[in-house]
Amino acid sequence: MILLVSARTSSLACRLAFVLAGLPGEVRDLSLRGGEHRTPEMLALNPKGQVPALILDSGETITETPAIMLAIGEMAPASGLIPAEGAARWRVMEWLSWYAYQFPRAFQPAFRPAIFGPPPAENQIREGGLTRVAEVLAFIEASLGARDWLVGEAVTAADLTTAMMTSFAGFVGVVPPDALMAHRRRVFALPALAETLKAEGFAA
């Protein structure tokens, strides 16, 4: 099994899940700047030419973060990343679906406003993105409340994605709420993630 990722991108959440689940296989870090995700070899594995992508031992390719998180969680049920059943499972999937919508909606305009409009509008587009990033973080903070984890009493895939978003907020100059910074520290302090976070260039 191979998980295709690229450092310092939103594939971080799936990379953390793969490592935390303890699944056998390889994490392959591709250079997006170098176009490694668009080589004939990679396009044969993943015609979308994007990361993350999970190449199963059967040769099938699973793409899109919610689907990959679900696959990882079901292949490693003891990890608890995707709860086995009931409301907790549905709630984690609710969070993953929400993130899949909110991340490009908020962070992409803040990161790359030029792809959303002509140069005269770039500042306005970026400011709109930054506002949405702050709104996303405020919603997560309110949902987290005084709890350690978003769903249940242990880390789930929802927490890994939240930690990724908290980190990316800093990249665009938005200071996350203290509660989310504390949440990220809890996630990044998980011993199994130490080497992966070092490879990604993140600190707890």
C-alpha atoms as a PDB file:
ATOM      1  CA  MET A   1       0.000   0.000   0.000  1.00  0.00           C
ATOM      2  CA  ILE A   2       1.265   3.462  -0.907  1.00  0.00           C
ATOM      3  CA  LEU A   3       0.027   6.827   0.334  1.00  0.00           C
ATOM      4  CA  LEU A   4       0.949   9.653  -2.038  1.00  0.00           C
ATOM      5  CA  VAL A   5       1.423  12.984  -0.278  1.00  0.00           C
ATOM      6  CA  SER A   6       3.317  16.246  -0.616  1.00  0.00           C
ATOM      7  CA  ALA A   7       4.890  17.982   2.356  1.00  0.00           C
ATOM      8  CA  ARG A   8       3.248  21.156   3.645  1.00  0.00           C
ATOM      9  CA  THR A   9      -0.010  20.533   1.797  1.00  0.00           C
ATOM     10  CA  SER A  10      -3.452  19.442   2.967  1.00  0.00           C
ATOM     11  CA  SER A  11      -2.359  15.831   2.451  1.00  0.00           C
ATOM     12  CA  LEU A  12      -0.820  16.184   5.921  1.00  0.00           C
ATOM     13  CA  ALA A  13      -4.044  15.030   7.594  1.00  0.00           C
ATOM     14  CA  CYS A  14      -4.087  11.724   5.681  1.00  0.00           C
ATOM     15  CA  ARG A  15      -0.379  11.244   6.291  1.00  0.00           C
ATOM     16  CA  LEU A  16      -0.897  11.616  10.035  1.00  0.00           C
ATOM     17  CA  ALA A  17      -3.813   9.184   9.923  1.00  0.00           C
ATOM     18  CA  PHE A  18      -1.830   6.592   7.955  1.00  0.00           C
ATOM     19  CA  VAL A  19       1.063   6.720  10.426  1.00  0.00           C
ATOM     20  CA  LEU A  20      -1.132   6.822  13.535  1.00  0.00           C
ATOM     21  CA  ALA A  21      -3.105   3.819  12.278  1.00  0.00           C
ATOM     22  CA  GLY A  22       0.120   1.847  11.968  1.00  0.00           C
ATOM     23  CA  LEU A  23      -0.762   0.494   8.556  1.00  0.00           C
ATOM     24  CA  PRO A  24       1.882  -1.401   6.582  1.00  0.00           C
ATOM     25  CA  GLY A  25       3.047   0.355   3.465  1.00  0.00           C
ATOM     26  CA  GLU A  26       4.918   3.350   2.152  1.00  0.00           C
ATOM     27  CA  VAL A  27       4.322   7.067   2.402  1.00  0.00           C
ATOM     28  CA  ARG A  28       5.667   8.580  -0.813  1.00  0.00           C
ATOM     29  CA  ASP A  29       6.363  12.319  -0.700  1.00  0.00           C
ATOM     30  CA  LEU A  30       5.968  13.965  -4.112  1.00  0.00           C
ATOM     31  CA  SER A  31       7.236  17.389  -5.122  1.00  0.00           C
ATOM     32  CA  LEU A  32       4.333  19.363  -6.542  1.00  0.00           C
ATOM     33  CA  ARG A  33       6.689  22.151  -7.596  1.00  0.00           C
ATOM     34  CA  GLY A  34       8.756  19.566  -9.447  1.00  0.00           C
ATOM     35  CA  GLY A  35       5.674  18.140 -11.142  1.00  0.00           C
ATOM     36  CA  GLU A  36       6.184  14.665  -9.728  1.00  0.00           C
ATOM     37  CA  HIS A  37       2.421  14.254  -9.323  1.00  0.00           C
ATOM     38  CA  ARG A  38       1.965  14.703 -13.079  1.00  0.00           C
ATOM     39  CA  THR A  39       4.490  12.191 -14.391  1.00  0.00           C
ATOM     40  CA  PRO A  40       3.157   9.352 -16.584  1.00  0.00           C
ATOM     41  CA  GLU A  41       3.904   6.876 -13.788  1.00  0.00           C
ATOM     42  CA  MET A  42       1.922   8.864 -11.217  1.00  0.00           C
ATOM     43  CA  LEU A  43      -0.945   9.620 -13.596  1.00  0.00           C
ATOM     44  CA  ALA A  44      -1.238   5.903 -14.292  1.00  0.00           C
ATOM     45  CA  LEU A  45      -1.719   5.383 -10.552  1.00  0.00           C
ATOM     46  CA  ASN A  46      -3.873   8.465 -10.016  1.00  0.00           C
ATOM     47  CA  PRO A  47      -5.354  10.082 -13.142  1.00  0.00           C
ATOM     48  CA  LYS A  48      -6.503  13.075 -11.078  1.00  0.00           C
ATOM     49  CA  GLY A  49      -2.864  14.058 -10.620  1.00  0.00           C
ATOM     50  CA  GLN A  50      -3.485  15.209  -7.058  1.00  0.00           C
ATOM     51  CA  VAL A  51      -2.515  14.333  -3.519  1.00  0.00           C
ATOM     52  CA  PRO A  52      -3.414  12.670  -1.290  1.00  0.00           C
ATOM     53  CA  ALA A  53      -4.044   9.364  -2.988  1.00  0.00           C
ATOM     54  CA  LEU A  54      -4.019   5.886  -1.467  1.00  0.00           C
ATOM     55  CA  ILE A  55      -2.824   3.057  -3.705  1.00  0.00           C
ATOM     56  CA  LEU A  56      -4.189  -0.222  -2.357  1.00  0.00           C
ATOM     57  CA  ASP A  57      -2.408  -3.550  -2.624  1.00  0.00           C
ATOM     58  CA  SER A  58      -5.063  -4.558  -5.157  1.00  0.00           C
ATOM     59  CA  GLY A  59      -3.884  -1.732  -7.428  1.00  0.00           C
ATOM     60  CA  GLU A  60      -7.011   0.342  -6.878  1.00  0.00           C
ATOM     61  CA  THR A  61      -6.594   4.035  -6.087  1.00  0.00           C
ATOM     62  CA  ILE A  62      -8.638   5.902  -3.487  1.00  0.00           C
ATOM     63  CA  THR A  63      -8.623   9.709  -3.645  1.00  0.00           C
ATOM     64  CA  GLU A  64     -10.175  12.609  -1.702  1.00  0.00           C
ATOM     65  CA  THR A  65      -9.439  13.093   1.980  1.00  0.00           C
ATOM     66  CA  PRO A  66     -12.774  11.916   3.471  1.00  0.00           C
ATOM     67  CA  ALA A  67     -12.633   8.660   1.475  1.00  0.00           C
ATOM     68  CA  ILE A  68      -8.981   8.031   2.347  1.00  0.00           C
ATOM     69  CA  MET A  69      -9.612   8.747   6.027  1.00  0.00           C
ATOM     70  CA  LEU A  70     -12.552   6.327   5.988  1.00  0.00           C
ATOM     71  CA  ALA A  71     -10.439   3.640   4.303  1.00  0.00           C
ATOM     72  CA  ILE A  72      -7.590   4.061   6.780  1.00  0.00           C
ATOM     73  CA  GLY A  73      -9.948   4.003   9.735  1.00  0.00           C
ATOM     74  CA  GLU A  74     -11.722   0.859   8.526  1.00  0.00           C
ATOM     75  CA  MET A  75      -8.453  -0.940   7.797  1.00  0.00           C
ATOM     76  CA  ALA A  76      -7.218  -0.088  11.302  1.00  0.00           C
ATOM     77  CA  PRO A  77     -10.353  -0.168  13.479  1.00  0.00           C
ATOM     78  CA  ALA A  78      -8.340  -0.356  16.705  1.00  0.00           C
ATOM     79  CA  SER A  79      -6.944   3.117  15.963  1.00  0.00           C
ATOM     80  CA  GLY A  80     -10.338   4.681  16.632  1.00  0.00           C
ATOM     81  CA  LEU A  81      -9.727   7.235  13.892  1.00  0.00           C
ATOM     82  CA  ILE A  82     -13.127   6.370  12.429  1.00  0.00           C
ATOM     83  CA  PRO A  83     -15.442   5.140  15.199  1.00  0.00           C
ATOM     84  CA  ALA A  84     -16.968   1.757  14.512  1.00  0.00           C
ATOM     85  CA  GLU A  85     -20.621   2.689  14.592  1.00  0.00           C
ATOM     86  CA  GLY A  86     -23.378   5.015  15.652  1.00  0.00           C
ATOM     87  CA  ALA A  87     -23.438   8.742  16.183  1.00  0.00           C
ATOM     88  CA  ALA A  88     -19.694   9.055  16.813  1.00  0.00           C
ATOM     89  CA  ARG A  89     -18.932   7.553  13.393  1.00  0.00           C
ATOM     90  CA  TRP A  90     -21.446   9.805  11.693  1.00  0.00           C
ATOM     91  CA  ARG A  91     -20.130  12.848  13.520  1.00  0.00           C
ATOM     92  CA  VAL A  92     -16.547  12.218  12.392  1.00  0.00           C
ATOM     93  CA  MET A  93     -17.737  11.819   8.814  1.00  0.00           C
ATOM     94  CA  GLU A  94     -19.737  15.025   9.193  1.00  0.00           C
ATOM     95  CA  TRP A  95     -16.566  16.874  10.196  1.00  0.00           C
ATOM     96  CA  LEU A  96     -14.537  15.393   7.333  1.00  0.00           C
ATOM     97  CA  SER A  97     -17.214  16.348   4.812  1.00  0.00           C
ATOM     98  CA  TRP A  98     -17.389  19.870   6.215  1.00  0.00           C
ATOM     99  CA  TYR A  99     -13.619  20.266   6.033  1.00  0.00           C
ATOM    100  CA  ALA A 100     -13.582  19.094   2.414  1.00  0.00           C
ATOM    101  CA  TYR A 101     -15.896  21.993   1.573  1.00  0.00           C
ATOM    102  CA  GLN A 102     -14.455  24.664   3.840  1.00  0.00           C
ATOM    103  CA  PHE A 103     -10.741  24.177   3.149  1.00  0.00           C
ATOM    104  CA  PRO A 104     -10.783  25.186  -0.539  1.00  0.00           C
ATOM    105  CA  ARG A 105     -13.491  27.788   0.085  1.00  0.00           C
ATOM    106  CA  ALA A 106     -11.503  29.611   2.766  1.00  0.00           C
ATOM    107  CA  PHE A 107      -7.833  28.743   2.407  1.00  0.00           C
ATOM    108  CA  GLN A 108      -7.406  28.695  -1.373  1.00  0.00           C
ATOM    109  CA  PRO A 109      -8.417  32.360  -1.869  1.00  0.00           C
ATOM    110  CA  ALA A 110      -6.149  33.320   1.029  1.00  0.00           C
ATOM    111  CA  PHE A 111      -3.209  31.354  -0.391  1.00  0.00           C
ATOM    112  CA  ARG A 112      -3.664  32.008  -4.112  1.00  0.00           C
ATOM    113  CA  PRO A 113      -6.064  34.883  -4.794  1.00  0.00           C
ATOM    114  CA  ALA A 114      -4.786  35.273  -8.360  1.00  0.00           C
ATOM    115  CA  ILE A 115      -6.551  32.111  -9.510  1.00  0.00           C
ATOM    116  CA  PHE A 116      -9.918  33.547  -8.431  1.00  0.00           C
ATOM    117  CA  GLY A 117      -9.833  36.893 -10.194  1.00  0.00           C
ATOM    118  CA  PRO A 118      -7.787  39.517 -12.065  1.00  0.00           C
ATOM    119  CA  PRO A 119      -4.912  41.356 -10.318  1.00  0.00           C
ATOM    120  CA  PRO A 120      -6.961  44.419  -9.274  1.00  0.00           C
ATOM    121  CA  ALA A 121      -9.226  42.147  -7.235  1.00  0.00           C
ATOM    122  CA  GLU A 122      -6.518  40.027  -5.593  1.00  0.00           C
ATOM    123  CA  ASN A 123      -6.388  41.954  -2.311  1.00  0.00           C
ATOM    124  CA  GLN A 124     -10.153  41.858  -1.925  1.00  0.00           C
ATOM    125  CA  ILE A 125     -10.248  38.145  -2.739  1.00  0.00           C
ATOM    126  CA  ARG A 126      -7.484  37.398  -0.252  1.00  0.00           C
ATOM    127  CA  GLU A 127      -9.172  39.434   2.480  1.00  0.00           C
ATOM    128  CA  GLY A 128     -12.379  37.533   1.876  1.00  0.00           C
ATOM    129  CA  GLY A 129     -10.479  34.273   2.221  1.00  0.00           C
ATOM    130  CA  LEU A 130      -8.843  35.398   5.456  1.00  0.00           C
ATOM    131  CA  THR A 131     -12.236  36.332   6.868  1.00  0.00           C
ATOM    132  CA  ARG A 132     -13.573  32.879   6.036  1.00  0.00           C
ATOM    133  CA  VAL A 133     -10.498  31.218   7.587  1.00  0.00           C
ATOM    134  CA  ALA A 134     -11.157  33.094  10.829  1.00  0.00           C
ATOM    135  CA  GLU A 135     -14.834  32.088  10.697  1.00  0.00           C
ATOM    136  CA  VAL A 136     -13.929  28.431  10.172  1.00  0.00           C
ATOM    137  CA  LEU A 137     -11.576  28.473  13.141  1.00  0.00           C
ATOM    138  CA  ALA A 138     -14.152  30.206  15.337  1.00  0.00           C
ATOM    139  CA  PHE A 139     -16.733  27.537  14.478  1.00  0.00           C
ATOM    140  CA  ILE A 140     -14.323  24.708  15.328  1.00  0.00           C
ATOM    141  CA  GLU A 141     -13.355  26.419  18.589  1.00  0.00           C
ATOM    142  CA  ALA A 142     -16.998  26.779  19.617  1.00  0.00           C
ATOM    143  CA  SER A 143     -17.670  23.135  18.727  1.00  0.00           C
ATOM    144  CA  LEU A 144     -14.641  21.918  20.672  1.00  0.00           C
ATOM    145  CA  GLY A 145     -15.551  23.849  23.791  1.00  0.00           C
ATOM    146  CA  ALA A 146     -13.675  22.653  26.855  1.00  0.00           C
ATOM    147  CA  ARG A 147     -13.149  19.125  25.507  1.00  0.00           C
ATOM    148  CA  ASP A 148      -9.810  17.670  24.451  1.00  0.00           C
ATOM    149  CA  TRP A 149     -11.116  16.076  21.241  1.00  0.00           C
ATOM    150  CA  LEU A 150     -13.859  16.922  18.774  1.00  0.00           C
ATOM    151  CA  VAL A 151     -15.665  13.577  18.934  1.00  0.00           C
ATOM    152  CA  GLY A 152     -15.560  11.293  21.951  1.00  0.00           C
ATOM    153  CA  GLU A 153     -12.728  10.786  24.393  1.00  0.00           C
ATOM    154  CA  ALA A 154      -9.836  10.085  22.028  1.00  0.00           C
ATOM    155  CA  VAL A 155      -8.256  11.445  18.875  1.00  0.00           C
ATOM    156  CA  THR A 156     -10.124  10.803  15.613  1.00  0.00           C
ATOM    157  CA  ALA A 157      -9.657  11.717  11.968  1.00  0.00           C
ATOM    158  CA  ALA A 158     -11.569  14.934  12.686  1.00  0.00           C
ATOM    159  CA  ASP A 159      -8.850  16.047  15.108  1.00  0.00           C
ATOM    160  CA  LEU A 160      -6.052  15.331  12.628  1.00  0.00           C
ATOM    161  CA  THR A 161      -7.758  17.480  10.016  1.00  0.00           C
ATOM    162  CA  THR A 162      -8.355  20.240  12.554  1.00  0.00           C
ATOM    163  CA  ALA A 163      -4.677  20.249  13.507  1.00  0.00           C
ATOM    164  CA  MET A 164      -3.769  20.578   9.844  1.00  0.00           C
ATOM    165  CA  MET A 165      -6.150  23.513   9.370  1.00  0.00           C
ATOM    166  CA  THR A 166      -4.859  25.233  12.512  1.00  0.00           C
ATOM    167  CA  SER A 167      -1.330  24.988  11.128  1.00  0.00           C
ATOM    168  CA  PHE A 168      -2.337  26.301   7.717  1.00  0.00           C
ATOM    169  CA  ALA A 169      -4.059  29.290   9.305  1.00  0.00           C
ATOM    170  CA  GLY A 170      -0.657  30.424  10.517  1.00  0.00           C
ATOM    171  CA  PHE A 171       0.701  30.130   6.975  1.00  0.00           C
ATOM    172  CA  VAL A 172      -1.754  32.793   5.790  1.00  0.00           C
ATOM    173  CA  GLY A 173      -1.263  35.042   8.805  1.00  0.00           C
ATOM    174  CA  VAL A 174      -4.392  34.183  10.789  1.00  0.00           C
ATOM    175  CA  VAL A 175      -3.699  33.587  14.478  1.00  0.00           C
ATOM    176  CA  PRO A 176      -5.744  30.581  15.638  1.00  0.00           C
ATOM    177  CA  PRO A 177      -7.652  30.779  18.935  1.00  0.00           C
ATOM    178  CA  ASP A 178      -5.743  29.590  22.002  1.00  0.00           C
ATOM    179  CA  ALA A 179      -8.032  26.566  22.360  1.00  0.00           C
ATOM    180  CA  LEU A 180      -7.161  25.356  18.856  1.00  0.00           C
ATOM    181  CA  MET A 181      -3.460  25.885  19.424  1.00  0.00           C
ATOM    182  CA  ALA A 182      -3.753  23.759  22.576  1.00  0.00           C
ATOM    183  CA  HIS A 183      -5.676  21.157  20.567  1.00  0.00           C
ATOM    184  CA  ARG A 184      -2.947  21.084  17.923  1.00  0.00           C
ATOM    185  CA  ARG A 185      -0.323  20.592  20.617  1.00  0.00           C
ATOM    186  CA  ARG A 186      -2.243  17.566  21.904  1.00  0.00           C
ATOM    187  CA  VAL A 187      -2.359  16.066  18.422  1.00  0.00           C
ATOM    188  CA  PHE A 188       1.271  16.834  17.617  1.00  0.00           C
ATOM    189  CA  ALA A 189       2.392  15.428  20.981  1.00  0.00           C
ATOM    190  CA  LEU A 190       1.220  11.927  20.045  1.00  0.00           C
ATOM    191  CA  PRO A 191       4.478   9.909  20.079  1.00  0.00           C
ATOM    192  CA  ALA A 192       3.671   7.958  16.910  1.00  0.00           C
ATOM    193  CA  LEU A 193       3.611  11.195  14.897  1.00  0.00           C
ATOM    194  CA  ALA A 194       6.997  12.600  15.955  1.00  0.00           C
ATOM    195  CA  GLU A 195       9.037  11.471  12.947  1.00  0.00           C
ATOM    196  CA  THR A 196       6.333  12.355  10.446  1.00  0.00           C
ATOM    197  CA  LEU A 197       5.934  15.870  11.838  1.00  0.00           C
ATOM    198  CA  LYS A 198       9.701  16.338  11.759  1.00  0.00           C
ATOM    199  CA  ALA A 199       9.729  15.284   8.100  1.00  0.00           C
ATOM    200  CA  GLU A 200       6.931  17.769   7.383  1.00  0.00           C
ATOM    201  CA  GLY A 201       8.780  20.573   9.148  1.00  0.00           C
ATOM    202  CA  PHE A 202       6.142  21.097  11.839  1.00  0.00           C
ATOM    203  CA  ALA A 203       6.614  21.751  15.533  1.00  0.00           C
ATOM    204  CA  ALA A 204       4.139  20.916  18.256  1.00  0.00           C
END
